[in-house]
Amino acid sequence: MAGSYSGRTGGLVTNLAFSPAKTELPAGFGFRDGPRGTHSSRTMMLDELALLAGSGGMAGDIPKRVLEDNVLGKSTSSGRMLSLQRLKELYSFNAATPIFLVFAHLAERDPAALPQLALLMAIARDPLLRASARSVLSLAPGSQLMRDSVRNAIAAIVGNRMNEAVLDKVARNAASSWTKTGHLTGRTMKRRAQVRPNPTAFAFALWLAQKSGFTGPEIFDNGWIAVLDVEPATAARGLAERAHAAGLITFRRIGDGFELDTAPLERLN
């Protein structure tokens, strides 16, 4: 359901949660939850996704392009099948899934936004990557990422389902994904870096926040917005105005408050 909100904005993004307290992410829109995720074996596969986007976008017969046309350049049929499976886990490729439709339209509209769009999508669909987010986003620029913090965050959602070796692998894969998007720099020693938010990706973050259940001032103060390093409320409002000017959302200031509607994203073509 589309949202229209009013409320006050101000201060910094301090809420790193991806849904309101005691609220589950709605599976009907394409979110995935639980103790399992693709990062137990892969990263966010940004390179493979970029190859797909460059070979004809996110529409059309994705399985054919991966399995028969081999646009990913895999050397074996089993490698192609496994890559397709993992990509579908992360990005859906199901035209009946709302989150994929919005993601695919935005990726086609603004190819430069793909890394940030893909990160938001992967967080929405991989609970393991989502669990790692606070460990990264809470760091000050230049601070070192401590792998134990990522491991502990992941262990908190998987319980005893993973041994130490698998937890280490998930932590490495998650750190690699955050490095791909520019949130971390370095090879062995990872340090926090700030990214510049893309307005198209910001519109997607607002849509995800609204579908996750955030309303009022919290629509600009949650984990989805924090992923794009949008801290000052003034910057968030400025990005919302740019997304409005691009026809992606409807945003209007009302005194110290605002009205926001992300429904236009669901009507893109």
Protein backbone atom coordinates (compact mmCIF):
# COMPACT_ATOMS: atom_id res chain seq x y z
CA MET A 1 0.00 0.00 0.00
CA ALA A 2 1.33 3.45 -0.87
CA GLY A 3 2.17 5.73 2.00
CA SER A 4 1.60 9.43 2.60
CA TYR A 5 3.17 10.79 5.76
CA SER A 6 3.60 13.98 7.70
CA GLY A 7 6.02 14.69 10.51
CA ARG A 8 9.11 16.58 11.61
CA THR A 9 12.60 15.87 10.37
CA GLY A 10 15.75 16.79 12.23
CA GLY A 11 19.05 15.48 13.53
CA LEU A 12 21.06 12.52 12.30
CA VAL A 13 20.14 9.03 11.19
CA THR A 14 20.53 7.18 14.47
CA ASN A 15 18.23 4.20 13.91
CA LEU A 16 20.05 1.31 12.20
CA ALA A 17 17.06 -1.06 12.32
CA PHE A 18 15.47 -2.28 9.10
CA SER A 19 11.97 -2.61 10.54
CA PRO A 20 10.15 -1.02 13.47
CA ALA A 21 10.52 -2.75 16.84
CA LYS A 22 8.84 -6.17 17.02
CA THR A 23 7.82 -5.94 13.36
CA GLU A 24 8.79 -8.55 10.79
CA LEU A 25 9.70 -7.64 7.23
CA PRO A 26 6.73 -8.42 4.96
CA ALA A 27 7.44 -11.44 2.76
CA GLY A 28 4.64 -10.45 0.40
CA PHE A 29 6.71 -7.60 -1.02
CA GLY A 30 9.75 -9.85 -1.54
CA PHE A 31 11.68 -9.42 1.73
CA ARG A 32 13.32 -12.55 3.12
CA ASP A 33 13.92 -13.32 6.78
CA GLY A 34 15.21 -16.20 8.87
CA PRO A 35 18.56 -17.75 9.84
CA ARG A 36 19.79 -18.57 6.32
CA GLY A 37 21.19 -16.46 3.51
CA THR A 38 23.28 -16.38 0.37
CA HIS A 39 26.33 -14.94 2.14
CA SER A 40 27.03 -18.33 3.65
CA SER A 41 28.52 -19.20 0.25
CA ARG A 42 28.71 -16.05 -1.89
CA THR A 43 29.04 -12.29 -1.73
CA MET A 44 26.34 -10.00 -3.14
CA MET A 45 27.59 -11.01 -6.63
CA LEU A 46 27.71 -7.43 -7.89
CA ASP A 47 30.03 -8.29 -10.79
CA GLU A 48 27.66 -10.99 -12.06
CA LEU A 49 24.68 -8.67 -11.66
CA ALA A 50 26.46 -5.97 -13.64
CA LEU A 51 27.12 -8.47 -16.44
CA LEU A 52 23.44 -9.32 -16.54
CA ALA A 53 22.45 -5.67 -16.56
CA GLY A 54 24.88 -4.98 -19.40
CA SER A 55 23.62 -7.90 -21.47
CA GLY A 56 20.02 -6.80 -21.65
CA GLY A 57 18.92 -5.43 -18.32
CA MET A 58 16.95 -7.20 -15.61
CA ALA A 59 13.99 -8.07 -17.82
CA GLY A 60 13.53 -10.95 -20.24
CA ASP A 61 14.51 -14.57 -19.89
CA ILE A 62 17.21 -14.41 -17.22
CA PRO A 63 17.61 -18.23 -16.94
CA LYS A 64 18.21 -18.50 -20.69
CA ARG A 65 20.81 -15.76 -20.65
CA VAL A 66 22.64 -17.36 -17.73
CA LEU A 67 22.28 -21.05 -18.59
CA GLU A 68 22.28 -21.05 -22.40
CA ASP A 69 23.91 -17.81 -23.47
CA ASN A 70 26.38 -17.97 -20.57
CA VAL A 71 26.53 -14.18 -20.15
CA LEU A 72 28.30 -14.72 -16.83
CA GLY A 73 31.15 -16.58 -18.50
CA LYS A 74 31.03 -19.67 -16.26
CA SER A 75 33.09 -22.63 -17.43
CA THR A 76 30.63 -25.39 -16.45
CA SER A 77 26.88 -25.92 -16.58
CA SER A 78 26.83 -26.62 -12.85
CA GLY A 79 28.56 -23.31 -12.23
CA ARG A 80 25.96 -21.52 -14.33
CA MET A 81 23.09 -23.23 -12.50
CA LEU A 82 24.51 -22.44 -9.07
CA SER A 83 25.18 -18.82 -9.99
CA LEU A 84 21.61 -18.43 -11.24
CA GLN A 85 20.26 -19.93 -8.03
CA ARG A 86 22.28 -17.59 -5.84
CA LEU A 87 21.39 -14.55 -7.94
CA LYS A 88 17.69 -15.41 -7.66
CA GLU A 89 18.04 -15.69 -3.90
CA LEU A 90 19.51 -12.20 -3.76
CA TYR A 91 17.61 -10.39 -6.50
CA SER A 92 14.47 -12.48 -7.13
CA PHE A 93 14.10 -11.95 -10.91
CA ASN A 94 10.40 -12.67 -10.36
CA ALA A 95 8.21 -10.18 -12.20
CA ALA A 96 5.38 -10.92 -9.75
CA THR A 97 7.44 -9.70 -6.80
CA PRO A 98 6.99 -5.96 -6.02
CA ILE A 99 10.53 -5.44 -4.71
CA PHE A 100 12.02 -6.83 -7.91
CA LEU A 101 9.82 -4.71 -10.17
CA VAL A 102 10.88 -1.50 -8.43
CA PHE A 103 14.54 -2.60 -8.35
CA ALA A 104 14.58 -3.61 -12.03
CA HIS A 105 12.94 -0.39 -13.24
CA LEU A 106 15.34 1.76 -11.24
CA ALA A 107 18.40 -0.20 -12.37
CA GLU A 108 17.36 0.24 -16.00
CA ARG A 109 16.59 3.92 -15.50
CA ASP A 110 19.89 4.74 -13.75
CA PRO A 111 22.70 2.22 -14.38
CA ALA A 112 25.09 4.27 -12.24
CA ALA A 113 22.89 3.52 -9.22
CA LEU A 114 23.30 -0.26 -9.59
CA PRO A 115 25.82 -0.84 -6.75
CA GLN A 116 23.66 0.96 -4.18
CA LEU A 117 20.42 -0.48 -5.55
CA ALA A 118 21.92 -3.97 -5.43
CA LEU A 119 23.14 -3.51 -1.85
CA LEU A 120 19.69 -2.42 -0.70
CA MET A 121 18.11 -5.35 -2.53
CA ALA A 122 20.61 -7.85 -1.12
CA ILE A 123 20.04 -6.55 2.41
CA ALA A 124 16.30 -6.93 1.92
CA ARG A 125 16.66 -10.53 0.76
CA ASP A 126 19.66 -11.88 2.68
CA PRO A 127 19.27 -11.90 6.47
CA LEU A 128 22.99 -12.65 6.90
CA LEU A 129 24.09 -9.51 5.07
CA ARG A 130 21.41 -7.55 6.90
CA ALA A 131 22.76 -8.79 10.23
CA SER A 132 26.22 -7.46 9.32
CA ALA A 133 24.95 -3.96 8.56
CA ARG A 134 25.10 -2.46 12.06
CA SER A 135 28.76 -3.51 12.45
CA VAL A 136 29.62 -1.50 9.33
CA LEU A 137 27.21 1.41 9.45
CA SER A 138 27.95 2.26 13.08
CA LEU A 139 31.65 2.81 12.35
CA ALA A 140 33.07 6.30 12.12
CA PRO A 141 34.88 7.05 8.83
CA GLY A 142 38.40 5.62 8.95
CA SER A 143 37.62 3.20 11.77
CA GLN A 144 38.69 -0.41 11.39
CA LEU A 145 36.06 -3.10 11.01
CA MET A 146 36.52 -5.80 13.63
CA ARG A 147 35.56 -9.15 12.14
CA ASP A 148 34.42 -10.42 15.53
CA SER A 149 31.68 -7.79 15.55
CA VAL A 150 30.37 -9.12 12.24
CA ARG A 151 30.68 -12.74 13.38
CA ASN A 152 28.83 -12.03 16.61
CA ALA A 153 26.03 -10.21 14.81
CA ILE A 154 25.54 -13.12 12.44
CA ALA A 155 25.79 -15.70 15.23
CA ALA A 156 22.98 -13.88 17.03
CA ILE A 157 20.51 -14.71 14.25
CA VAL A 158 21.71 -18.18 13.25
CA GLY A 159 22.25 -19.66 16.72
CA ASN A 160 24.09 -22.97 16.56
CA ARG A 161 23.29 -23.60 12.90
CA MET A 162 26.77 -22.52 11.80
CA ASN A 163 30.16 -23.65 13.06
CA GLU A 164 33.07 -21.27 13.51
CA ALA A 165 34.47 -21.89 10.05
CA VAL A 166 31.17 -21.04 8.35
CA LEU A 167 30.71 -17.95 10.52
CA ASP A 168 34.18 -16.80 9.44
CA LYS A 169 33.24 -17.33 5.80
CA VAL A 170 30.00 -15.37 6.16
CA ALA A 171 31.89 -12.52 7.82
CA ARG A 172 34.45 -12.46 4.98
CA ASN A 173 31.73 -12.54 2.32
CA ALA A 174 29.78 -9.77 4.02
CA ALA A 175 32.90 -7.60 4.34
CA SER A 176 33.62 -8.21 0.66
CA SER A 177 30.13 -7.06 -0.30
CA TRP A 178 30.44 -3.87 1.74
CA THR A 179 33.82 -3.30 0.07
CA LYS A 180 32.30 -3.69 -3.39
CA THR A 181 29.91 -0.83 -2.66
CA GLY A 182 32.59 1.46 -1.21
CA HIS A 183 31.50 1.31 2.43
CA LEU A 184 34.78 -0.40 3.33
CA THR A 185 38.28 -0.02 1.93
CA GLY A 186 41.36 -2.19 2.18
CA ARG A 187 42.05 -5.88 1.64
CA THR A 188 43.01 -7.58 4.88
CA MET A 189 42.37 -4.63 7.19
CA LYS A 190 39.02 -3.08 6.33
CA ARG A 191 38.25 0.51 7.24
CA ARG A 192 35.03 2.45 7.01
CA ALA A 193 34.54 4.87 4.16
CA GLN A 194 31.53 7.03 3.41
CA VAL A 195 29.61 6.68 0.17
CA ARG A 196 27.87 9.39 -1.78
CA PRO A 197 24.15 8.61 -1.91
CA ASN A 198 22.65 8.20 -5.36
CA PRO A 199 19.20 9.90 -5.59
CA THR A 200 17.72 6.95 -7.47
CA ALA A 201 18.94 4.53 -4.81
CA PHE A 202 17.66 6.92 -2.14
CA ALA A 203 14.17 6.67 -3.65
CA PHE A 204 14.44 2.88 -3.42
CA ALA A 205 15.56 3.17 0.21
CA LEU A 206 12.47 5.25 0.97
CA TRP A 207 10.25 2.64 -0.70
CA LEU A 208 11.90 -0.14 1.33
CA ALA A 209 11.54 1.87 4.54
CA GLN A 210 7.86 2.48 3.88
CA LYS A 211 7.17 -1.16 3.04
CA SER A 212 9.09 -2.21 6.15
CA GLY A 213 6.61 -0.27 8.28
CA PHE A 214 8.37 3.01 9.04
CA THR A 215 6.17 6.10 9.16
CA GLY A 216 6.44 9.76 10.10
CA PRO A 217 9.90 11.08 10.98
CA GLU A 218 11.29 7.53 11.06
CA ILE A 219 10.89 7.30 7.29
CA PHE A 220 14.17 9.26 7.14
CA ASP A 221 15.70 7.62 10.21
CA ASN A 222 16.17 3.86 9.73
CA GLY A 223 18.62 1.28 8.46
CA TRP A 224 17.62 1.63 4.80
CA ILE A 225 18.52 5.32 4.80
CA ALA A 226 21.65 4.71 6.87
CA VAL A 227 22.93 2.29 4.19
CA LEU A 228 23.40 5.28 1.89
CA ASP A 229 25.23 7.35 4.52
CA VAL A 230 22.48 9.96 4.53
CA GLU A 231 23.00 11.50 7.95
CA PRO A 232 21.71 15.07 8.21
CA ALA A 233 17.94 15.43 7.86
CA THR A 234 18.53 18.36 5.54
CA ALA A 235 20.45 16.08 3.17
CA ALA A 236 17.63 13.53 3.29
CA ARG A 237 15.07 16.18 2.40
CA GLY A 238 17.28 17.44 -0.42
CA LEU A 239 17.60 13.94 -1.87
CA ALA A 240 13.84 13.46 -1.55
CA GLU A 241 13.31 16.67 -3.50
CA ARG A 242 15.67 15.45 -6.23
CA ALA A 243 13.81 12.12 -6.40
CA HIS A 244 10.53 14.06 -6.60
CA ALA A 245 11.88 16.22 -9.44
CA ALA A 246 12.86 13.02 -11.29
CA GLY A 247 9.31 11.70 -10.98
CA LEU A 248 10.30 8.81 -8.73
CA ILE A 249 8.35 9.81 -5.62
CA THR A 250 6.03 12.56 -4.44
CA PHE A 251 7.54 14.76 -1.75
CA ARG A 252 6.31 18.06 -0.38
CA ARG A 253 7.49 20.15 2.56
CA ILE A 254 4.78 21.42 4.87
CA GLY A 255 6.25 23.86 7.33
CA ASP A 256 8.62 21.85 9.50
CA GLY A 257 7.07 18.60 8.29
CA PHE A 258 6.59 16.83 5.00
CA GLU A 259 4.35 14.60 2.92
CA LEU A 260 5.86 11.61 1.15
CA ASP A 261 4.40 9.06 -1.22
CA THR A 262 6.56 6.31 -2.76
CA ALA A 263 3.73 4.83 -4.86
CA PRO A 264 5.06 6.38 -8.14
CA LEU A 265 7.94 3.87 -7.97
CA GLU A 266 5.44 1.07 -8.48
CA ARG A 267 4.12 2.66 -11.67
CA LEU A 268 7.43 3.14 -13.48
CA ASN A 269 7.68 1.67 -16.97
